[in-house]
Protein backbone atom coordinates (compact mmCIF):
# COMPACT_ATOMS: atom_id res chain seq x y z
CA MET A 1 56.84 -15.23 -111.25
CA ALA A 2 56.19 -11.85 -109.61
CA ILE A 3 57.84 -10.91 -106.51
CA SER A 4 55.94 -9.73 -103.60
CA ARG A 5 57.25 -7.07 -101.33
CA LEU A 6 56.49 -6.18 -98.02
CA THR A 7 54.59 -2.71 -97.16
CA ALA A 8 55.70 -0.80 -94.21
CA PRO A 9 52.88 0.25 -92.18
CA SER A 10 51.61 3.84 -92.45
CA ALA A 11 51.38 6.28 -89.67
CA TRP A 12 47.94 6.97 -88.55
CA THR A 13 45.99 9.34 -86.48
CA HIS A 14 42.23 8.66 -85.01
CA ASP A 15 40.38 11.43 -82.92
CA TRP A 16 38.19 9.42 -80.71
CA THR A 17 35.00 11.16 -79.40
CA PRO A 18 32.56 9.99 -76.74
CA GLY A 19 29.31 10.19 -78.85
CA PRO A 20 25.94 11.53 -78.19
CA GLY A 21 24.91 10.60 -74.62
CA LEU A 22 28.24 8.82 -74.22
CA ALA A 23 27.04 6.22 -76.50
CA ASN A 24 30.67 5.60 -78.07
CA LEU A 25 32.03 5.56 -74.21
CA PHE A 26 29.50 2.85 -73.09
CA ASP A 27 29.97 0.86 -76.20
CA LEU A 28 33.71 0.77 -75.95
CA TYR A 29 33.48 -1.87 -73.06
CA PRO A 30 31.71 -5.19 -73.21
CA SER A 31 29.16 -5.39 -70.58
CA ARG A 32 28.92 -7.88 -67.93
CA GLY A 33 25.07 -7.80 -68.40
CA ASP A 34 22.29 -7.37 -66.00
CA VAL A 35 23.83 -7.98 -62.27
CA THR A 36 22.63 -7.80 -58.74
CA ILE A 37 25.30 -7.53 -56.09
CA GLY A 38 23.68 -9.58 -53.26
CA ALA A 39 26.85 -10.07 -50.95
CA ALA A 40 30.03 -8.43 -50.36
CA THR A 41 31.66 -7.87 -53.61
CA ASN A 42 35.27 -6.55 -54.64
CA LEU A 43 36.36 -5.62 -58.34
CA ALA A 44 39.63 -6.47 -59.43
CA THR A 45 41.97 -3.84 -59.40
CA ASP A 46 45.63 -3.61 -59.67
CA LEU A 47 47.46 -2.18 -56.56
CA ASP A 48 48.18 1.58 -57.46
CA GLY A 49 47.05 0.89 -60.69
CA PRO A 50 45.06 2.19 -63.75
CA SER A 51 41.63 3.68 -63.52
CA LYS A 52 39.29 0.50 -64.50
CA VAL A 53 35.78 0.48 -66.37
CA PHE A 54 33.33 -1.80 -64.99
CA ARG A 55 30.57 -1.98 -67.49
CA TYR A 56 27.11 -3.19 -66.62
CA GLY A 57 23.65 -3.40 -68.30
CA ALA A 58 20.68 -3.25 -65.26
CA LEU A 59 22.87 -2.94 -62.17
CA THR A 60 21.05 -3.76 -58.57
CA ILE A 61 23.41 -3.27 -55.50
CA ASN A 62 21.91 -4.78 -52.24
CA ALA A 63 25.20 -5.14 -50.80
CA GLU A 64 28.64 -3.43 -50.36
CA LEU A 65 30.58 -3.11 -53.62
CA SER A 66 33.95 -2.07 -53.31
CA ILE A 67 37.74 -2.85 -55.06
CA THR A 68 40.29 -5.32 -54.51
CA ASN A 69 43.20 -3.00 -54.03
CA ARG A 70 43.83 0.63 -53.82
CA ALA A 71 43.89 2.08 -57.43
CA ARG A 72 43.14 5.31 -59.72
CA PRO A 73 39.63 5.98 -59.71
CA PRO A 74 37.12 3.03 -60.66
CA ILE A 75 34.57 4.17 -63.33
CA ILE A 76 31.20 1.83 -63.16
CA LEU A 77 29.03 2.35 -66.13
CA CYS A 78 25.40 1.16 -66.29
CA ASP A 79 22.20 1.36 -68.14
CA SER A 80 20.25 1.69 -64.75
CA LEU A 81 20.93 1.52 -61.46
CA ALA A 82 19.03 0.46 -58.33
CA MET A 83 20.42 0.85 -54.66
CA GLY A 84 18.60 -1.22 -52.00
CA ALA A 85 18.61 -0.27 -48.51
CA SER A 86 21.79 -2.17 -47.60
CA GLY A 87 23.48 -1.22 -51.03
CA LYS A 88 26.93 0.53 -50.54
CA PHE A 89 29.86 1.85 -53.11
CA VAL A 90 32.65 1.96 -50.85
CA LEU A 91 36.26 3.46 -51.32
CA ASP A 92 37.00 3.90 -47.58
CA TYR A 93 40.81 4.19 -47.03
CA LEU A 94 41.75 3.09 -50.77
CA GLY A 95 43.54 6.18 -51.91
CA ALA A 96 46.14 5.18 -54.57
CA ARG A 97 49.77 6.08 -53.86
CA GLY A 98 51.09 8.25 -56.71
CA GLU A 99 54.42 8.90 -57.96
CA SER A 100 56.17 11.98 -59.17
CA SER A 101 55.62 10.77 -62.85
CA TRP A 102 51.92 11.05 -62.36
CA PRO A 103 50.12 14.21 -63.97
CA ALA A 104 48.02 15.85 -61.43
CA ALA A 105 45.19 16.32 -64.22
CA ASP A 106 41.66 16.48 -64.46
CA TRP A 107 39.81 13.12 -64.87
CA VAL A 108 37.24 13.94 -67.76
CA VAL A 109 35.29 12.35 -70.37
CA PRO A 110 37.45 13.35 -73.35
CA GLN A 111 35.61 15.22 -75.90
CA ILE A 112 38.76 14.47 -78.08
CA LEU A 113 41.09 11.81 -77.67
CA ARG A 114 43.81 11.83 -80.37
CA LEU A 115 45.42 8.29 -80.90
CA GLN A 116 48.34 8.13 -83.26
CA GLY A 117 50.53 4.98 -84.19
CA LYS A 118 52.36 2.85 -86.97
CA ALA A 119 53.33 -0.53 -86.26
CA ILE A 120 49.99 -1.17 -84.20
CA SER A 121 46.57 -0.49 -85.61
CA LEU A 122 43.84 1.53 -84.34
CA ARG A 123 41.63 -1.47 -84.07
CA THR A 124 44.32 -2.87 -81.68
CA VAL A 125 44.53 -0.44 -79.78
CA LEU A 126 40.58 -0.04 -78.99
CA ALA A 127 40.46 -3.86 -78.32
CA VAL A 128 43.54 -3.83 -75.64
CA ILE A 129 41.68 -0.66 -73.90
CA ALA A 130 38.49 -2.60 -73.64
CA ALA A 131 39.80 -5.93 -72.88
CA ASP A 132 41.88 -4.57 -69.91
CA GLY A 133 39.10 -2.39 -69.12
CA ILE A 134 41.17 0.94 -69.14
CA PHE A 135 39.27 4.23 -68.80
CA ILE A 136 39.92 6.23 -71.67
CA GLY A 137 40.15 9.31 -69.91
CA ASP A 138 42.88 8.46 -67.18
CA PRO A 139 45.51 11.09 -68.11
CA VAL A 140 47.98 8.90 -66.04
CA PHE A 141 47.73 5.92 -68.52
CA TRP A 142 48.30 8.01 -71.30
CA VAL A 143 51.64 9.28 -69.84
CA LEU A 144 52.73 5.80 -69.01
CA ARG A 145 50.53 3.64 -71.41
CA SER A 146 51.23 -0.20 -71.42
CA ALA A 147 53.07 -2.50 -73.50
CA GLY A 148 50.09 -4.03 -75.30
CA LEU A 149 49.62 -0.53 -77.17
CA GLY A 150 52.92 -0.72 -78.84
CA ASP A 151 53.75 2.50 -80.20
CA CYS A 152 50.68 4.18 -79.81
CA THR A 153 50.22 7.35 -77.95
CA GLY A 154 47.05 9.20 -76.90
CA THR A 155 46.49 12.99 -76.36
CA ILE A 156 43.20 14.25 -74.43
CA VAL A 157 42.99 17.42 -76.70
CA SER A 158 39.82 18.69 -74.82
CA ALA A 159 36.95 17.43 -72.34
CA PHE A 160 33.54 16.51 -72.98
CA GLY A 161 31.81 18.86 -70.31
CA ALA A 162 32.63 19.27 -66.63
CA ALA A 163 35.61 17.49 -65.18
CA LEU A 164 34.72 14.08 -63.39
CA ILE A 165 37.31 15.08 -60.66
CA ALA A 166 39.15 18.58 -60.74
CA ALA A 167 42.97 18.71 -60.33
CA ALA A 168 42.55 22.13 -58.95
CA GLY A 169 40.24 21.49 -56.54
CA CYS A 170 42.26 18.89 -54.60
CA ALA A 171 42.84 20.31 -51.31
CA PRO A 172 46.42 21.20 -49.80
CA GLY A 173 47.28 19.51 -46.44
CA GLY A 174 47.90 21.16 -43.26
CA GLU A 175 51.08 23.08 -42.68
CA ALA A 176 54.04 22.06 -40.56
CA GLN A 177 53.60 22.95 -36.88
CA ARG A 178 56.44 24.02 -34.41
CA ALA A 179 56.00 23.88 -30.17
CA PRO A 180 55.61 27.36 -29.43
CA ASN A 181 58.22 27.66 -26.51
CA PRO A 182 61.01 25.27 -26.21
CA THR A 183 61.90 26.25 -22.67
CA TYR A 184 58.43 25.54 -21.09
CA ASN A 185 56.38 22.52 -21.41
CA SER A 186 54.40 23.44 -24.31
CA GLN A 187 52.27 21.81 -26.93
CA CYS A 188 51.09 22.45 -30.14
CA PRO A 189 48.13 20.74 -31.91
CA GLY A 190 48.71 19.90 -35.82
CA ASN A 191 46.92 21.95 -38.77
CA GLY A 192 44.03 19.88 -40.12
CA GLY A 193 43.71 19.51 -44.02
CA PHE A 194 41.87 21.58 -46.09
CA ALA A 195 38.49 20.43 -47.66
CA GLY A 196 38.57 19.67 -51.49
CA ALA A 197 36.04 20.82 -54.15
CA ASN A 198 35.00 18.55 -56.85
CA ALA A 199 38.08 16.51 -55.45
CA PRO A 200 39.76 14.79 -52.42
CA GLY A 201 40.59 16.49 -49.34
CA GLY A 202 44.21 17.32 -48.04
CA GLY A 203 46.05 15.38 -45.41
CA ALA A 204 46.35 17.24 -41.46
CA GLY A 205 49.71 18.17 -40.67
CA GLY A 206 51.57 16.86 -37.38
CA GLY A 207 51.34 18.38 -34.12
CA ALA A 208 54.21 19.03 -32.01
CA GLY A 209 55.22 19.36 -28.12
CA SER A 210 58.28 20.62 -26.05
CA GLY A 211 59.52 19.09 -22.39
CA GLY A 212 61.30 22.55 -21.57
CA THR A 213 64.28 21.31 -22.37
CA ASN A 214 65.15 24.00 -25.00
CA GLN A 215 64.28 21.17 -27.92
CA SER A 216 61.22 21.95 -29.98
CA GLY A 217 59.35 19.32 -31.56
CA TYR A 218 58.27 20.15 -34.95
CA GLY A 219 55.25 18.47 -36.78
CA GLY A 220 55.48 17.21 -40.17
CA ARG A 221 53.70 18.62 -43.48
CA GLY A 222 50.15 17.23 -44.42
CA GLY A 223 49.85 15.83 -48.01
CA GLN A 224 48.17 17.59 -50.87
CA ALA A 225 45.38 15.74 -52.24
CA ARG A 226 45.50 14.21 -55.68
CA PRO A 227 42.66 13.10 -58.17
CA TRP A 228 43.21 9.71 -57.18
CA SER A 229 43.46 10.13 -53.45
CA GLY A 230 42.73 12.07 -50.27
CA GLY A 231 46.05 13.79 -49.10
CA GLY A 232 48.57 11.72 -46.80
CA ALA A 233 48.75 12.52 -42.78
CA ALA A 234 52.03 13.62 -41.43
CA THR A 235 53.46 12.84 -37.87
CA GLY A 236 54.08 14.91 -35.01
CA ALA A 237 57.09 15.08 -32.74
CA TYR A 238 58.00 15.74 -29.12
CA GLU A 239 61.44 17.39 -28.94
CA GLY A 240 62.20 15.97 -32.40
CA ILE A 241 61.25 16.16 -36.02
CA GLY A 242 58.09 14.56 -37.49
CA LEU A 243 58.05 13.32 -40.77
CA ASP A 244 56.33 14.97 -43.94
CA ALA A 245 53.31 13.10 -45.63
CA TRP A 246 53.93 11.20 -49.00
CA PRO A 247 53.51 13.93 -51.47
CA PHE A 248 51.39 12.10 -54.20
CA GLY A 249 48.69 10.50 -52.55
CA GLY A 250 48.34 7.21 -50.64
CA PRO A 251 49.05 6.29 -46.78
CA GLY A 252 50.78 9.48 -44.88
CA SER A 253 54.19 8.89 -43.15
CA ASN A 254 52.00 7.43 -39.91
CA GLY A 255 50.55 4.78 -42.19
CA LEU A 256 47.16 6.08 -42.10
CA ARG A 257 44.95 5.65 -45.35
CA PRO A 258 43.26 8.41 -47.22
CA GLY A 259 40.22 7.84 -49.03
CA GLY A 260 39.89 7.00 -52.83
CA SER A 261 37.98 8.17 -55.86
CA GLY A 262 35.67 6.57 -58.07
CA LEU A 263 32.29 7.38 -59.75
CA ILE A 264 29.04 5.62 -60.95
CA LEU A 265 28.02 6.75 -64.68
CA CYS A 266 24.20 5.52 -64.99
CA ARG A 267 23.02 6.80 -68.39
CA GLY A 268 19.39 5.67 -67.52
CA ASP A 269 17.18 5.93 -64.54
CA VAL A 270 18.39 5.43 -60.87
CA THR A 271 16.30 4.33 -57.93
CA LEU A 272 17.92 4.72 -54.40
CA ALA A 273 16.30 3.19 -51.38
CA ASP A 274 16.71 4.69 -47.95
CA GLY A 275 19.77 3.40 -46.41
CA HIS A 276 22.23 3.42 -49.47
CA GLN A 277 25.54 4.71 -49.03
CA PHE A 278 28.29 6.07 -50.87
CA SER A 279 31.58 6.28 -49.16
CA ALA A 280 35.31 7.41 -49.48
CA LYS A 281 36.47 8.29 -46.14
CA GLY A 282 39.94 8.76 -44.44
CA GLU A 283 41.17 6.54 -42.17
CA ASP A 284 40.78 7.49 -38.38
CA GLY A 285 43.51 7.43 -35.85
CA THR A 286 44.47 7.87 -31.87
CA THR A 287 48.22 8.71 -31.92
CA THR A 288 49.43 11.79 -29.97
CA TYR A 289 50.57 14.39 -32.25
CA TYR A 290 49.63 12.53 -35.29
CA GLY A 291 47.42 13.96 -38.39
CA ALA A 292 44.81 12.10 -40.15
CA PRO A 293 44.44 11.74 -43.93
CA GLY A 294 42.14 13.45 -46.38
CA GLY A 295 38.81 12.00 -47.49
CA GLY A 296 38.08 11.19 -51.17
CA ARG A 297 36.08 11.66 -54.05
CA ILE A 298 32.99 9.24 -54.88
CA GLY A 299 29.82 10.26 -56.53
CA LEU A 300 26.75 9.31 -58.93
CA ILE A 301 26.15 10.98 -62.29
CA HIS A 302 22.71 9.69 -64.11
CA GLY A 303 21.19 10.36 -67.50
CA GLY A 304 17.82 9.41 -66.44
CA VAL A 305 15.21 9.96 -63.59
CA LEU A 306 16.23 9.66 -60.11
CA THR A 307 13.95 8.30 -57.33
CA GLY A 308 15.31 8.78 -54.12
CA VAL A 309 17.66 11.12 -52.30
CA PHE A 310 21.41 10.63 -52.50
CA ASN A 311 23.42 9.58 -49.38
CA GLY A 312 27.16 9.92 -49.31
CA THR A 313 30.20 10.74 -47.36
CA ALA A 314 33.72 11.61 -48.19
CA ALA A 315 34.62 12.67 -44.68
CA GLY A 316 38.44 13.34 -43.70
CA GLY A 317 39.83 10.75 -40.98
CA VAL A 318 39.87 11.96 -37.61
CA ASN A 319 42.84 11.81 -35.21
CA SER A 320 41.30 11.70 -31.43
CA GLY A 321 44.71 11.45 -29.92
CA ALA A 322 45.82 14.25 -28.06
CA TYR A 323 47.23 17.24 -30.29
CA GLY A 324 46.23 15.35 -33.36
CA ALA A 325 44.65 16.88 -36.37
CA ASN A 326 41.69 15.90 -39.08
CA GLY A 327 42.11 15.50 -42.67
CA GLY A 328 40.13 17.66 -44.87
CA ASP A 329 36.82 16.41 -46.22
CA GLY A 330 36.69 15.14 -49.70
CA VAL A 331 33.32 15.25 -51.63
CA ALA A 332 30.45 13.17 -52.28
CA ASP A 333 27.67 14.23 -54.66
CA CYS A 334 25.05 13.26 -57.44
CA ARG A 335 25.06 15.20 -60.67
CA THR A 336 23.21 14.57 -64.00
CA PHE A 337 24.28 14.43 -67.36
CA ALA A 338 22.69 17.60 -68.21
CA GLN A 339 24.91 19.69 -65.15
CA MET A 340 27.81 17.63 -66.75
CA GLY A 341 26.97 19.00 -70.46
CA TRP A 342 26.78 15.86 -71.84
CA SER A 343 23.31 16.38 -72.90
């Protein structure tokens, strides 16, 4: 009787592409079918977790749609979209708290995503991504990966068209501030965050004050925006030293929350009623000398006919306290597949 021998698996490489009109991207994720959002709804996300895809057929939004936890940008894919007068897509205060290991890279639809593995099969890799709803263009995911992908690695070789969210457009925060004269009662407002360009806005720096006791106050530095979050805000100080914002996005040293990032990609027609809203604002504050966080990045990209006028905001937070400063504005806009280079 012949003795069977086990054959070691062979290494493989596969270049995933999005297909014409993003067909492969849309087909990768199982659809939830035609859905109407008639009551406030939060899509399930992991706290500070990966960019998730939520796939629909005909999507009608007549109430507020958001996510359960701050996270990297949620991506909604749908075949058609109708937003009523009460329809909202809201990512206010939901910027993810990043870490130093997260690459501040563009969020893109990959033109080529090179997948490589050996012990795990390509079929299993794509099945895990689809089942977990991981956005295949999340660059942080391909650095950190997950246990379910075994020995598979992924490299975004090139982008298909324009960036969904531009890393280079992430705005800086406001610079640190110092009370101008320690020997006199002097006050100095914080420096506001800067506005983003196809990206979130920066967080505000803290203000500073001196009571005339030869002790200057020093405000902290506002946070740099990241693709997944507006910049965090710094604290200010009166005859002391304020705290710099957390440098990788998410809540600032004063706890105020920046706007999050997320997009709706609709390959068909879109109808937007007056009163609908896309919103990714930073949180407001009232504390003396403190800054406010930056706004996020939210928008709509459509392949079909648009009926109605897009209404969106990604305003930076406002600190109405004395000597406070405002966060930088992010971006809320509407683009076409053609403008993205996807046609």
